[in-house]
Amino acid sequence: MATAQNIVKPLEIQHPLIHARRSNKVINKDSIEALTPETDRKVTGTFVNIECPGQPAKICGKYYRGMEYFSKTFEDNERCTIPLSVARWINERTHYDQHSYILDEKGHSVKNPAPKPRYKFMAEF
């Protein structure tokens, strides 16, 4: 049997939860997300798999508004023509942080400050 002392009242919300409206303006005009179908061009180059040499790698995604979905499986050292946005994404955003067995004072593993690239696309302009 519940007594008046054991009943927990819900907290009253003093202000309604209002989410700030997101702006659709691109802040960094040199970013991949700032590209448009008119400014994105094709580049020719060589795909290199740094993480697992000799193995194929699948790259897929839609990197800016208005872009058609890109999906392709690259062979190591394959020469191909792809959009500039995909080439930039491969070179700038496909990396991993290398962990080490060295522990800090809290017992967490120390990350190497420089990210290690997974793939590279060497474009020829």
PDB file of N, CA and C in Angstrom:
ATOM      1  N   MET A   1       0.840  -1.162   0.000  1.00  0.00           N
ATOM      2  CA  MET A   1       0.000   0.000   0.000  1.00  0.00           C
ATOM      3  C   MET A   1       0.892   1.233   0.000  1.00  0.00           C
ATOM      4  N   ALA A   2       0.675   2.134  -0.917  1.00  0.00           N
ATOM      5  CA  ALA A   2       1.497   3.332  -1.056  1.00  0.00           C
ATOM      6  C   ALA A   2       0.996   4.420  -0.132  1.00  0.00           C
ATOM      7  N   THR A   3       1.923   5.023   0.541  1.00  0.00           N
ATOM      8  CA  THR A   3       1.572   6.150   1.404  1.00  0.00           C
ATOM      9  C   THR A   3       1.880   7.443   0.671  1.00  0.00           C
ATOM     10  N   ALA A   4       1.454   8.548   1.235  1.00  0.00           N
ATOM     11  CA  ALA A   4       1.664   9.847   0.600  1.00  0.00           C
ATOM     12  C   ALA A   4       3.147  10.195   0.537  1.00  0.00           C
ATOM     13  N   GLN A   5       3.968   9.642   1.410  1.00  0.00           N
ATOM     14  CA  GLN A   5       5.384   9.953   1.412  1.00  0.00           C
ATOM     15  C   GLN A   5       6.125   9.205   0.301  1.00  0.00           C
ATOM     16  N   ASN A   6       5.632   8.061  -0.145  1.00  0.00           N
ATOM     17  CA  ASN A   6       6.305   7.232  -1.138  1.00  0.00           C
ATOM     18  C   ASN A   6       5.956   7.609  -2.574  1.00  0.00           C
ATOM     19  N   ILE A   7       4.970   8.465  -2.782  1.00  0.00           N
ATOM     20  CA  ILE A   7       4.551   8.817  -4.132  1.00  0.00           C
ATOM     21  C   ILE A   7       5.508   9.872  -4.680  1.00  0.00           C
ATOM     22  N   VAL A   8       6.047   9.597  -5.862  1.00  0.00           N
ATOM     23  CA  VAL A   8       6.979  10.514  -6.513  1.00  0.00           C
ATOM     24  C   VAL A   8       6.215  11.285  -7.573  1.00  0.00           C
ATOM     25  N   LYS A   9       6.253  12.606  -7.488  1.00  0.00           N
ATOM     26  CA  LYS A   9       5.563  13.444  -8.459  1.00  0.00           C
ATOM     27  C   LYS A   9       6.501  13.720  -9.634  1.00  0.00           C
ATOM     28  N   PRO A  10       5.977  13.733 -10.853  1.00  0.00           N
ATOM     29  CA  PRO A  10       6.840  14.051 -12.002  1.00  0.00           C
ATOM     30  C   PRO A  10       7.271  15.510 -11.952  1.00  0.00           C
ATOM     31  N   LEU A  11       8.461  15.740 -12.471  1.00  0.00           N
ATOM     32  CA  LEU A  11       8.982  17.099 -12.505  1.00  0.00           C
ATOM     33  C   LEU A  11       8.182  17.932 -13.500  1.00  0.00           C
ATOM     34  N   GLU A  12       7.894  19.137 -13.135  1.00  0.00           N
ATOM     35  CA  GLU A  12       7.180  20.027 -14.032  1.00  0.00           C
ATOM     36  C   GLU A  12       8.166  20.656 -15.007  1.00  0.00           C
ATOM     37  N   ILE A  13       7.772  20.706 -16.246  1.00  0.00           N
ATOM     38  CA  ILE A  13       8.604  21.333 -17.261  1.00  0.00           C
ATOM     39  C   ILE A  13       8.272  22.812 -17.253  1.00  0.00           C
ATOM     40  N   GLN A  14       9.272  23.626 -16.960  1.00  0.00           N
ATOM     41  CA  GLN A  14       9.039  25.062 -16.853  1.00  0.00           C
ATOM     42  C   GLN A  14       8.983  25.723 -18.228  1.00  0.00           C
ATOM     43  N   HIS A  15       9.825  25.293 -19.128  1.00  0.00           N
ATOM     44  CA  HIS A  15       9.851  25.864 -20.469  1.00  0.00           C
ATOM     45  C   HIS A  15       9.622  24.732 -21.464  1.00  0.00           C
ATOM     46  N   PRO A  16       8.881  24.987 -22.514  1.00  0.00           N
ATOM     47  CA  PRO A  16       8.724  23.941 -23.527  1.00  0.00           C
ATOM     48  C   PRO A  16      10.065  23.680 -24.219  1.00  0.00           C
ATOM     49  N   LEU A  17      10.255  22.451 -24.651  1.00  0.00           N
ATOM     50  CA  LEU A  17      11.498  22.089 -25.321  1.00  0.00           C
ATOM     51  C   LEU A  17      11.448  22.598 -26.758  1.00  0.00           C
ATOM     52  N   ILE A  18      12.247  23.586 -27.058  1.00  0.00           N
ATOM     53  CA  ILE A  18      12.270  24.186 -28.385  1.00  0.00           C
ATOM     54  C   ILE A  18      13.633  23.914 -28.995  1.00  0.00           C
ATOM     55  N   HIS A  19      13.614  23.355 -30.179  1.00  0.00           N
ATOM     56  CA  HIS A  19      14.854  23.078 -30.879  1.00  0.00           C
ATOM     57  C   HIS A  19      15.175  24.255 -31.788  1.00  0.00           C
ATOM     58  N   ALA A  20      16.406  24.668 -31.782  1.00  0.00           N
ATOM     59  CA  ALA A  20      16.818  25.762 -32.657  1.00  0.00           C
ATOM     60  C   ALA A  20      16.756  25.286 -34.102  1.00  0.00           C
ATOM     61  N   ARG A  21      16.318  26.134 -34.963  1.00  0.00           N
ATOM     62  CA  ARG A  21      16.210  25.797 -36.374  1.00  0.00           C
ATOM     63  C   ARG A  21      17.609  25.737 -36.979  1.00  0.00           C
ATOM     64  N   ARG A  22      17.876  24.678 -37.732  1.00  0.00           N
ATOM     65  CA  ARG A  22      19.181  24.528 -38.370  1.00  0.00           C
ATOM     66  C   ARG A  22      19.236  25.340 -39.639  1.00  0.00           C
ATOM     67  N   SER A  23      20.356  25.971 -39.854  1.00  0.00           N
ATOM     68  CA  SER A  23      20.553  26.746 -41.070  1.00  0.00           C
ATOM     69  C   SER A  23      20.995  25.807 -42.184  1.00  0.00           C
ATOM     70  N   ASN A  24      20.554  26.067 -43.389  1.00  0.00           N
ATOM     71  CA  ASN A  24      20.958  25.258 -44.536  1.00  0.00           C
ATOM     72  C   ASN A  24      22.155  25.850 -45.261  1.00  0.00           C
ATOM     73  N   LYS A  25      22.723  26.930 -44.738  1.00  0.00           N
ATOM     74  CA  LYS A  25      23.886  27.540 -45.363  1.00  0.00           C
ATOM     75  C   LYS A  25      25.123  26.712 -45.063  1.00  0.00           C
ATOM     76  N   VAL A  26      25.979  26.562 -46.050  1.00  0.00           N
ATOM     77  CA  VAL A  26      27.227  25.843 -45.866  1.00  0.00           C
ATOM     78  C   VAL A  26      28.249  26.828 -45.314  1.00  0.00           C
ATOM     79  N   ILE A  27      28.871  26.472 -44.213  1.00  0.00           N
ATOM     80  CA  ILE A  27      29.817  27.371 -43.572  1.00  0.00           C
ATOM     81  C   ILE A  27      31.170  27.326 -44.276  1.00  0.00           C
ATOM     82  N   ASN A  28      31.694  26.131 -44.529  1.00  0.00           N
ATOM     83  CA  ASN A  28      32.991  25.982 -45.182  1.00  0.00           C
ATOM     84  C   ASN A  28      32.757  25.786 -46.677  1.00  0.00           C
ATOM     85  N   LYS A  29      33.099  26.778 -47.480  1.00  0.00           N
ATOM     86  CA  LYS A  29      32.840  26.718 -48.915  1.00  0.00           C
ATOM     87  C   LYS A  29      33.803  25.783 -49.650  1.00  0.00           C
ATOM     88  N   ASP A  30      34.871  25.327 -48.990  1.00  0.00           N
ATOM     89  CA  ASP A  30      35.824  24.413 -49.606  1.00  0.00           C
ATOM     90  C   ASP A  30      35.577  22.956 -49.210  1.00  0.00           C
ATOM     91  N   SER A  31      34.533  22.685 -48.445  1.00  0.00           N
ATOM     92  CA  SER A  31      34.279  21.330 -47.983  1.00  0.00           C
ATOM     93  C   SER A  31      33.622  20.491 -49.078  1.00  0.00           C
ATOM     94  N   ILE A  32      33.609  19.200 -48.870  1.00  0.00           N
ATOM     95  CA  ILE A  32      32.974  18.282 -49.816  1.00  0.00           C
ATOM     96  C   ILE A  32      31.475  18.541 -49.862  1.00  0.00           C
ATOM     97  N   GLU A  33      30.877  18.865 -48.716  1.00  0.00           N
ATOM     98  CA  GLU A  33      29.434  19.099 -48.656  1.00  0.00           C
ATOM     99  C   GLU A  33      29.021  20.346 -49.413  1.00  0.00           C
ATOM    100  N   ALA A  34      29.950  21.271 -49.688  1.00  0.00           N
ATOM    101  CA  ALA A  34      29.626  22.505 -50.401  1.00  0.00           C
ATOM    102  C   ALA A  34      29.601  22.316 -51.912  1.00  0.00           C
ATOM    103  N   LEU A  35      30.040  21.159 -52.397  1.00  0.00           N
ATOM    104  CA  LEU A  35      30.031  20.918 -53.833  1.00  0.00           C
ATOM    105  C   LEU A  35      28.602  20.808 -54.352  1.00  0.00           C
ATOM    106  N   THR A  36      28.428  21.083 -55.608  1.00  0.00           N
ATOM    107  CA  THR A  36      27.141  20.932 -56.290  1.00  0.00           C
ATOM    108  C   THR A  36      27.370  20.100 -57.537  1.00  0.00           C
ATOM    109  N   PRO A  37      26.309  19.596 -58.152  1.00  0.00           N
ATOM    110  CA  PRO A  37      26.514  18.842 -59.395  1.00  0.00           C
ATOM    111  C   PRO A  37      27.207  19.664 -60.486  1.00  0.00           C
ATOM    112  N   GLU A  38      27.062  21.003 -60.445  1.00  0.00           N
ATOM    113  CA  GLU A  38      27.711  21.852 -61.441  1.00  0.00           C
ATOM    114  C   GLU A  38      29.207  22.006 -61.167  1.00  0.00           C
ATOM    115  N   THR A  39      29.617  22.041 -59.902  1.00  0.00           N
ATOM    116  CA  THR A  39      31.032  22.235 -59.573  1.00  0.00           C
ATOM    117  C   THR A  39      31.800  20.926 -59.443  1.00  0.00           C
ATOM    118  N   ASP A  40      31.106  19.818 -59.283  1.00  0.00           N
ATOM    119  CA  ASP A  40      31.771  18.512 -59.174  1.00  0.00           C
ATOM    120  C   ASP A  40      32.162  18.054 -60.574  1.00  0.00           C
ATOM    121  N   ARG A  41      33.425  17.687 -60.748  1.00  0.00           N
ATOM    122  CA  ARG A  41      33.890  17.249 -62.061  1.00  0.00           C
ATOM    123  C   ARG A  41      34.526  15.876 -61.938  1.00  0.00           C
ATOM    124  N   LYS A  42      34.796  15.246 -63.056  1.00  0.00           N
ATOM    125  CA  LYS A  42      35.420  13.918 -63.073  1.00  0.00           C
ATOM    126  C   LYS A  42      36.937  14.064 -63.040  1.00  0.00           C
ATOM    127  N   VAL A  43      37.578  13.193 -62.282  1.00  0.00           N
ATOM    128  CA  VAL A  43      39.040  13.153 -62.238  1.00  0.00           C
ATOM    129  C   VAL A  43      39.501  11.738 -62.534  1.00  0.00           C
ATOM    130  N   THR A  44      40.651  11.620 -63.157  1.00  0.00           N
ATOM    131  CA  THR A  44      41.233  10.327 -63.489  1.00  0.00           C
ATOM    132  C   THR A  44      42.441  10.108 -62.595  1.00  0.00           C
ATOM    133  N   GLY A  45      42.583   8.886 -62.112  1.00  0.00           N
ATOM    134  CA  GLY A  45      43.711   8.591 -61.241  1.00  0.00           C
ATOM    135  C   GLY A  45      43.801   7.122 -60.907  1.00  0.00           C
ATOM    136  N   THR A  46      44.637   6.814 -59.924  1.00  0.00           N
ATOM    137  CA  THR A  46      44.889   5.442 -59.496  1.00  0.00           C
ATOM    138  C   THR A  46      44.439   5.265 -58.061  1.00  0.00           C
ATOM    139  N   PHE A  47      43.659   4.223 -57.798  1.00  0.00           N
ATOM    140  CA  PHE A  47      43.205   3.893 -56.448  1.00  0.00           C
ATOM    141  C   PHE A  47      44.220   2.957 -55.808  1.00  0.00           C
ATOM    142  N   VAL A  48      44.650   3.273 -54.581  1.00  0.00           N
ATOM    143  CA  VAL A  48      45.624   2.451 -53.859  1.00  0.00           C
ATOM    144  C   VAL A  48      45.032   2.061 -52.513  1.00  0.00           C
ATOM    145  N   ASN A  49      45.032   0.778 -52.212  1.00  0.00           N
ATOM    146  CA  ASN A  49      44.567   0.270 -50.933  1.00  0.00           C
ATOM    147  C   ASN A  49      45.777   0.182 -50.011  1.00  0.00           C
ATOM    148  N   ILE A  50      45.870   1.109 -49.057  1.00  0.00           N
ATOM    149  CA  ILE A  50      47.029   1.178 -48.156  1.00  0.00           C
ATOM    150  C   ILE A  50      46.881   0.188 -47.004  1.00  0.00           C
ATOM    151  N   GLU A  51      45.657   0.054 -46.493  1.00  0.00           N
ATOM    152  CA  GLU A  51      45.432  -0.788 -45.321  1.00  0.00           C
ATOM    153  C   GLU A  51      45.638  -2.266 -45.631  1.00  0.00           C
ATOM    154  N   CYS A  52      45.075  -2.747 -46.737  1.00  0.00           N
ATOM    155  CA  CYS A  52      45.203  -4.158 -47.136  1.00  0.00           C
ATOM    156  C   CYS A  52      45.655  -4.206 -48.591  1.00  0.00           C
ATOM    157  N   PRO A  53      46.949  -4.103 -48.860  1.00  0.00           N
ATOM    158  CA  PRO A  53      47.418  -4.088 -50.251  1.00  0.00           C
ATOM    159  C   PRO A  53      46.987  -5.346 -51.005  1.00  0.00           C
ATOM    160  N   GLY A  54      46.562  -5.141 -52.258  1.00  0.00           N
ATOM    161  CA  GLY A  54      46.146  -6.252 -53.103  1.00  0.00           C
ATOM    162  C   GLY A  54      44.678  -6.629 -52.964  1.00  0.00           C
ATOM    163  N   GLN A  55      43.975  -6.074 -51.995  1.00  0.00           N
ATOM    164  CA  GLN A  55      42.575  -6.414 -51.763  1.00  0.00           C
ATOM    165  C   GLN A  55      41.655  -5.349 -52.377  1.00  0.00           C
ATOM    166  N   PRO A  56      40.467  -5.747 -52.846  1.00  0.00           N
ATOM    167  CA  PRO A  56      39.518  -4.752 -53.349  1.00  0.00           C
ATOM    168  C   PRO A  56      38.869  -3.995 -52.183  1.00  0.00           C
ATOM    169  N   ALA A  57      38.318  -2.822 -52.486  1.00  0.00           N
ATOM    170  CA  ALA A  57      37.652  -2.007 -51.467  1.00  0.00           C
ATOM    171  C   ALA A  57      36.403  -1.396 -52.084  1.00  0.00           C
ATOM    172  N   LYS A  58      35.297  -1.457 -51.343  1.00  0.00           N
ATOM    173  CA  LYS A  58      34.044  -0.890 -51.833  1.00  0.00           C
ATOM    174  C   LYS A  58      33.860   0.493 -51.220  1.00  0.00           C
ATOM    175  N   ILE A  59      33.640   1.472 -52.076  1.00  0.00           N
ATOM    176  CA  ILE A  59      33.371   2.847 -51.668  1.00  0.00           C
ATOM    177  C   ILE A  59      31.976   3.193 -52.160  1.00  0.00           C
ATOM    178  N   CYS A  60      31.135   3.656 -51.253  1.00  0.00           N
ATOM    179  CA  CYS A  60      29.789   4.046 -51.653  1.00  0.00           C
ATOM    180  C   CYS A  60      29.303   5.164 -50.753  1.00  0.00           C
ATOM    181  N   GLY A  61      28.410   5.987 -51.293  1.00  0.00           N
ATOM    182  CA  GLY A  61      27.840   7.059 -50.501  1.00  0.00           C
ATOM    183  C   GLY A  61      27.318   8.194 -51.345  1.00  0.00           C
ATOM    184  N   LYS A  62      26.693   9.111 -50.662  1.00  0.00           N
ATOM    185  CA  LYS A  62      26.162  10.339 -51.259  1.00  0.00           C
ATOM    186  C   LYS A  62      26.745  11.462 -50.425  1.00  0.00           C
ATOM    187  N   TYR A  63      27.673  12.226 -50.978  1.00  0.00           N
ATOM    188  CA  TYR A  63      28.501  13.116 -50.182  1.00  0.00           C
ATOM    189  C   TYR A  63      28.042  14.566 -50.149  1.00  0.00           C
ATOM    190  N   TYR A  64      27.136  14.959 -50.997  1.00  0.00           N
ATOM    191  CA  TYR A  64      26.577  16.308 -50.940  1.00  0.00           C
ATOM    192  C   TYR A  64      25.157  16.269 -51.486  1.00  0.00           C
ATOM    193  N   ARG A  65      24.401  17.302 -51.172  1.00  0.00           N
ATOM    194  CA  ARG A  65      23.001  17.372 -51.587  1.00  0.00           C
ATOM    195  C   ARG A  65      22.922  17.467 -53.108  1.00  0.00           C
ATOM    196  N   GLY A  66      22.111  16.635 -53.701  1.00  0.00           N
ATOM    197  CA  GLY A  66      21.935  16.647 -55.149  1.00  0.00           C
ATOM    198  C   GLY A  66      22.823  15.656 -55.878  1.00  0.00           C
ATOM    199  N   MET A  67      23.721  15.005 -55.171  1.00  0.00           N
ATOM    200  CA  MET A  67      24.612  14.031 -55.807  1.00  0.00           C
ATOM    201  C   MET A  67      23.881  12.712 -55.976  1.00  0.00           C
ATOM    202  N   GLU A  68      24.144  12.032 -57.089  1.00  0.00           N
ATOM    203  CA  GLU A  68      23.618  10.690 -57.264  1.00  0.00           C
ATOM    204  C   GLU A  68      24.423   9.735 -56.384  1.00  0.00           C
ATOM    205  N   TYR A  69      23.770   8.686 -55.888  1.00  0.00           N
ATOM    206  CA  TYR A  69      24.433   7.719 -55.022  1.00  0.00           C
ATOM    207  C   TYR A  69      25.572   7.061 -55.791  1.00  0.00           C
ATOM    208  N   PHE A  70      26.764   7.043 -55.188  1.00  0.00           N
ATOM    209  CA  PHE A  70      27.948   6.464 -55.817  1.00  0.00           C
ATOM    210  C   PHE A  70      28.262   5.141 -55.159  1.00  0.00           C
ATOM    211  N   SER A  71      28.504   4.118 -55.943  1.00  0.00           N
ATOM    212  CA  SER A  71      28.891   2.810 -55.421  1.00  0.00           C
ATOM    213  C   SER A  71      29.817   2.139 -56.431  1.00  0.00           C
ATOM    214  N   LYS A  72      30.997   1.753 -55.960  1.00  0.00           N
ATOM    215  CA  LYS A  72      31.960   1.095 -56.837  1.00  0.00           C
ATOM    216  C   LYS A  72      32.928   0.283 -55.989  1.00  0.00           C
ATOM    217  N   THR A  73      33.303  -0.869 -56.495  1.00  0.00           N
ATOM    218  CA  THR A  73      34.328  -1.689 -55.862  1.00  0.00           C
ATOM    219  C   THR A  73      35.617  -1.485 -56.640  1.00  0.00           C
ATOM    220  N   PHE A  74      36.614  -0.931 -55.960  1.00  0.00           N
ATOM    221  CA  PHE A  74      37.893  -0.637 -56.583  1.00  0.00           C
ATOM    222  C   PHE A  74      38.859  -1.788 -56.350  1.00  0.00           C
ATOM    223  N   GLU A  75      39.597  -2.143 -57.377  1.00  0.00           N
ATOM    224  CA  GLU A  75      40.712  -3.074 -57.230  1.00  0.00           C
ATOM    225  C   GLU A  75      41.949  -2.262 -56.863  1.00  0.00           C
ATOM    226  N   ASP A  76      42.887  -2.875 -56.171  1.00  0.00           N
ATOM    227  CA  ASP A  76      44.113  -2.179 -55.797  1.00  0.00           C
ATOM    228  C   ASP A  76      44.898  -1.814 -57.059  1.00  0.00           C
ATOM    229  N   ASN A  77      45.410  -0.598 -57.123  1.00  0.00           N
ATOM    230  CA  ASN A  77      46.155  -0.041 -58.257  1.00  0.00           C
ATOM    231  C   ASN A  77      45.322   0.028 -59.535  1.00  0.00           C
ATOM    232  N   GLU A  78      44.016   0.208 -59.378  1.00  0.00           N
ATOM    233  CA  GLU A  78      43.126   0.340 -60.540  1.00  0.00           C
ATOM    234  C   GLU A  78      43.118   1.788 -61.011  1.00  0.00           C
ATOM    235  N   ARG A  79      43.212   1.977 -62.320  1.00  0.00           N
ATOM    236  CA  ARG A  79      43.127   3.309 -62.920  1.00  0.00           C
ATOM    237  C   ARG A  79      41.686   3.528 -63.355  1.00  0.00           C
ATOM    238  N   CYS A  80      41.075   4.635 -62.882  1.00  0.00           N
ATOM    239  CA  CYS A  80      39.665   4.865 -63.188  1.00  0.00           C
ATOM    240  C   CYS A  80      39.352   6.355 -63.165  1.00  0.00           C
ATOM    241  N   THR A  81      38.135   6.692 -63.582  1.00  0.00           N
ATOM    242  CA  THR A  81      37.638   8.059 -63.572  1.00  0.00           C
ATOM    243  C   THR A  81      36.444   8.115 -62.632  1.00  0.00           C
ATOM    244  N   ILE A  82      36.536   8.989 -61.615  1.00  0.00           N
ATOM    245  CA  ILE A  82      35.470   9.117 -60.621  1.00  0.00           C
ATOM    246  C   ILE A  82      35.215  10.603 -60.359  1.00  0.00           C
ATOM    247  N   PRO A  83      34.093  10.951 -59.705  1.00  0.00           N
ATOM    248  CA  PRO A  83      33.853  12.354 -59.365  1.00  0.00           C
ATOM    249  C   PRO A  83      34.885  12.875 -58.351  1.00  0.00           C
ATOM    250  N   LEU A  84      35.144  14.175 -58.422  1.00  0.00           N
ATOM    251  CA  LEU A  84      36.100  14.811 -57.514  1.00  0.00           C
ATOM    252  C   LEU A  84      35.677  14.666 -56.060  1.00  0.00           C
ATOM    253  N   SER A  85      34.382  14.728 -55.778  1.00  0.00           N
ATOM    254  CA  SER A  85      33.896  14.609 -54.402  1.00  0.00           C
ATOM    255  C   SER A  85      34.245  13.242 -53.814  1.00  0.00           C
ATOM    256  N   VAL A  86      34.164  12.201 -54.606  1.00  0.00           N
ATOM    257  CA  VAL A  86      34.505  10.854 -54.123  1.00  0.00           C
ATOM    258  C   VAL A  86      36.009  10.746 -53.895  1.00  0.00           C
ATOM    259  N   ALA A  87      36.792  11.313 -54.805  1.00  0.00           N
ATOM    260  CA  ALA A  87      38.248  11.279 -54.645  1.00  0.00           C
ATOM    261  C   ALA A  87      38.673  12.039 -53.390  1.00  0.00           C
ATOM    262  N   ARG A  88      38.061  13.201 -53.150  1.00  0.00           N
ATOM    263  CA  ARG A  88      38.382  13.953 -51.933  1.00  0.00           C
ATOM    264  C   ARG A  88      37.958  13.195 -50.692  1.00  0.00           C
ATOM    265  N   TRP A  89      36.806  12.545 -50.727  1.00  0.00           N
ATOM    266  CA  TRP A  89      36.342  11.776 -49.573  1.00  0.00           C
ATOM    267  C   TRP A  89      37.289  10.624 -49.274  1.00  0.00           C
ATOM    268  N   ILE A  90      37.768   9.951 -50.313  1.00  0.00           N
ATOM    269  CA  ILE A  90      38.719   8.849 -50.113  1.00  0.00           C
ATOM    270  C   ILE A  90      39.994   9.366 -49.457  1.00  0.00           C
ATOM    271  N   ASN A  91      40.515  10.486 -49.928  1.00  0.00           N
ATOM    272  CA  ASN A  91      41.790  11.001 -49.413  1.00  0.00           C
ATOM    273  C   ASN A  91      41.668  11.682 -48.057  1.00  0.00           C
ATOM    274  N   GLU A  92      40.541  12.347 -47.782  1.00  0.00           N
ATOM    275  CA  GLU A  92      40.432  13.142 -46.557  1.00  0.00           C
ATOM    276  C   GLU A  92      39.718  12.452 -45.409  1.00  0.00           C
ATOM    277  N   ARG A  93      38.801  11.547 -45.699  1.00  0.00           N
ATOM    278  CA  ARG A  93      37.939  11.046 -44.631  1.00  0.00           C
ATOM    279  C   ARG A  93      38.026   9.548 -44.359  1.00  0.00           C
ATOM    280  N   THR A  94      38.700   8.786 -45.178  1.00  0.00           N
ATOM    281  CA  THR A  94      38.816   7.349 -44.896  1.00  0.00           C
ATOM    282  C   THR A  94      40.126   7.088 -44.168  1.00  0.00           C
ATOM    283  N   HIS A  95      40.054   7.102 -42.838  1.00  0.00           N
ATOM    284  CA  HIS A  95      41.238   6.866 -42.015  1.00  0.00           C
ATOM    285  C   HIS A  95      40.792   6.221 -40.704  1.00  0.00           C
ATOM    286  N   TYR A  96      41.741   5.769 -39.948  1.00  0.00           N
ATOM    287  CA  TYR A  96      41.456   5.208 -38.633  1.00  0.00           C
ATOM    288  C   TYR A  96      42.504   5.703 -37.651  1.00  0.00           C
ATOM    289  N   ASP A  97      42.124   5.742 -36.380  1.00  0.00           N
ATOM    290  CA  ASP A  97      43.053   6.133 -35.331  1.00  0.00           C
ATOM    291  C   ASP A  97      43.773   4.885 -34.841  1.00  0.00           C
ATOM    292  N   GLN A  98      45.077   4.934 -34.841  1.00  0.00           N
ATOM    293  CA  GLN A  98      45.857   3.775 -34.417  1.00  0.00           C
ATOM    294  C   GLN A  98      45.977   3.766 -32.898  1.00  0.00           C
ATOM    295  N   HIS A  99      45.573   2.665 -32.282  1.00  0.00           N
ATOM    296  CA  HIS A  99      45.670   2.517 -30.836  1.00  0.00           C
ATOM    297  C   HIS A  99      46.992   1.838 -30.483  1.00  0.00           C
ATOM    298  N   SER A 100      47.456   2.113 -29.295  1.00  0.00           N
ATOM    299  CA  SER A 100      48.693   1.490 -28.838  1.00  0.00           C
ATOM    300  C   SER A 100      48.423   0.768 -27.525  1.00  0.00           C
ATOM    301  N   TYR A 101      49.388   0.005 -27.080  1.00  0.00           N
ATOM    302  CA  TYR A 101      49.256  -0.714 -25.819  1.00  0.00           C
ATOM    303  C   TYR A 101      49.760   0.113 -24.644  1.00  0.00           C
ATOM    304  N   ILE A 102      50.180   1.341 -24.905  1.00  0.00           N
ATOM    305  CA  ILE A 102      50.621   2.226 -23.841  1.00  0.00           C
ATOM    306  C   ILE A 102      49.386   2.800 -23.159  1.00  0.00           C
ATOM    307  N   LEU A 103      49.358   2.781 -21.846  1.00  0.00           N
ATOM    308  CA  LEU A 103      48.212   3.278 -21.105  1.00  0.00           C
ATOM    309  C   LEU A 103      48.544   4.612 -20.455  1.00  0.00           C
ATOM    310  N   ASP A 104      47.527   5.479 -20.370  1.00  0.00           N
ATOM    311  CA  ASP A 104      47.730   6.747 -19.675  1.00  0.00           C
ATOM    312  C   ASP A 104      47.487   6.540 -18.179  1.00  0.00           C
ATOM    313  N   GLU A 105      47.496   7.637 -17.409  1.00  0.00           N
ATOM    314  CA  GLU A 105      47.362   7.524 -15.951  1.00  0.00           C
ATOM    315  C   GLU A 105      45.990   7.016 -15.518  1.00  0.00           C
ATOM    316  N   LYS A 106      44.974   7.105 -16.387  1.00  0.00           N
ATOM    317  CA  LYS A 106      43.632   6.613 -16.053  1.00  0.00           C
ATOM    318  C   LYS A 106      43.402   5.180 -16.506  1.00  0.00           C
ATOM    319  N   GLY A 107      44.365   4.596 -17.208  1.00  0.00           N
ATOM    320  CA  GLY A 107      44.237   3.218 -17.654  1.00  0.00           C
ATOM    321  C   GLY A 107      43.662   3.067 -19.050  1.00  0.00           C
ATOM    322  N   HIS A 108      43.482   4.165 -19.793  1.00  0.00           N
ATOM    323  CA  HIS A 108      42.964   4.111 -21.158  1.00  0.00           C
ATOM    324  C   HIS A 108      44.129   4.018 -22.133  1.00  0.00           C
ATOM    325  N   SER A 109      43.901   3.328 -23.272  1.00  0.00           N
ATOM    326  CA  SER A 109      44.968   3.223 -24.260  1.00  0.00           C
ATOM    327  C   SER A 109      45.169   4.573 -24.940  1.00  0.00           C
ATOM    328  N   VAL A 110      46.407   4.859 -25.271  1.00  0.00           N
ATOM    329  CA  VAL A 110      46.775   6.137 -25.861  1.00  0.00           C
ATOM    330  C   VAL A 110      46.596   6.037 -27.371  1.00  0.00           C
ATOM    331  N   LYS A 111      45.923   7.028 -27.954  1.00  0.00           N
ATOM    332  CA  LYS A 111      45.756   7.057 -29.402  1.00  0.00           C
ATOM    333  C   LYS A 111      46.918   7.798 -30.033  1.00  0.00           C
ATOM    334  N   ASN A 112      47.303   7.329 -31.208  1.00  0.00           N
ATOM    335  CA  ASN A 112      48.333   8.008 -31.966  1.00  0.00           C
ATOM    336  C   ASN A 112      47.696   9.270 -32.558  1.00  0.00           C
ATOM    337  N   PRO A 113      48.306  10.445 -32.409  1.00  0.00           N
ATOM    338  CA  PRO A 113      47.640  11.671 -32.840  1.00  0.00           C
ATOM    339  C   PRO A 113      47.415  11.771 -34.350  1.00  0.00           C
ATOM    340  N   ALA A 114      48.235  11.152 -35.163  1.00  0.00           N
ATOM    341  CA  ALA A 114      48.080  11.237 -36.610  1.00  0.00           C
ATOM    342  C   ALA A 114      47.210  10.078 -37.101  1.00  0.00           C
ATOM    343  N   PRO A 115      46.119  10.354 -37.812  1.00  0.00           N
ATOM    344  CA  PRO A 115      45.292   9.265 -38.331  1.00  0.00           C
ATOM    345  C   PRO A 115      46.010   8.513 -39.453  1.00  0.00           C
ATOM    346  N   LYS A 116      45.763   7.228 -39.533  1.00  0.00           N
ATOM    347  CA  LYS A 116      46.366   6.386 -40.559  1.00  0.00           C
ATOM    348  C   LYS A 116      45.386   6.229 -41.717  1.00  0.00           C
ATOM    349  N   PRO A 117      45.792   6.511 -42.962  1.00  0.00           N
ATOM    350  CA  PRO A 117      44.857   6.397 -44.089  1.00  0.00           C
ATOM    351  C   PRO A 117      44.580   4.943 -44.456  1.00  0.00           C
ATOM    352  N   ARG A 118      43.340   4.686 -44.876  1.00  0.00           N
ATOM    353  CA  ARG A 118      42.958   3.354 -45.342  1.00  0.00           C
ATOM    354  C   ARG A 118      43.221   3.214 -46.844  1.00  0.00           C
ATOM    355  N   TYR A 119      42.814   4.218 -47.610  1.00  0.00           N
ATOM    356  CA  TYR A 119      42.942   4.197 -49.064  1.00  0.00           C
ATOM    357  C   TYR A 119      43.509   5.526 -49.526  1.00  0.00           C
ATOM    358  N   LYS A 120      43.931   5.562 -50.772  1.00  0.00           N
ATOM    359  CA  LYS A 120      44.417   6.792 -51.371  1.00  0.00           C
ATOM    360  C   LYS A 120      44.028   6.795 -52.836  1.00  0.00           C
ATOM    361  N   PHE A 121      43.612   7.964 -53.328  1.00  0.00           N
ATOM    362  CA  PHE A 121      43.322   8.120 -54.748  1.00  0.00           C
ATOM    363  C   PHE A 121      44.285   9.157 -55.284  1.00  0.00           C
ATOM    364  N   MET A 122      45.194   8.733 -56.136  1.00  0.00           N
ATOM    365  CA  MET A 122      46.192   9.640 -56.696  1.00  0.00           C
ATOM    366  C   MET A 122      45.653  10.174 -58.014  1.00  0.00           C
ATOM    367  N   ALA A 123      45.122  11.390 -57.963  1.00  0.00           N
ATOM    368  CA  ALA A 123      44.512  11.997 -59.152  1.00  0.00           C
ATOM    369  C   ALA A 123      45.555  12.652 -60.022  1.00  0.00           C
ATOM    370  N   GLU A 124      45.304  12.609 -61.323  1.00  0.00           N
ATOM    371  CA  GLU A 124      46.185  13.243 -62.304  1.00  0.00           C
ATOM    372  C   GLU A 124      45.390  14.372 -62.941  1.00  0.00           C
ATOM    373  N   PHE A 125      45.853  15.582 -62.750  1.00  0.00           N
ATOM    374  CA  PHE A 125      45.132  16.745 -63.281  1.00  0.00           C
ATOM    375  C   PHE A 125      45.691  17.167 -64.608  1.00  0.00           C
TER     376      PHE A 125
END
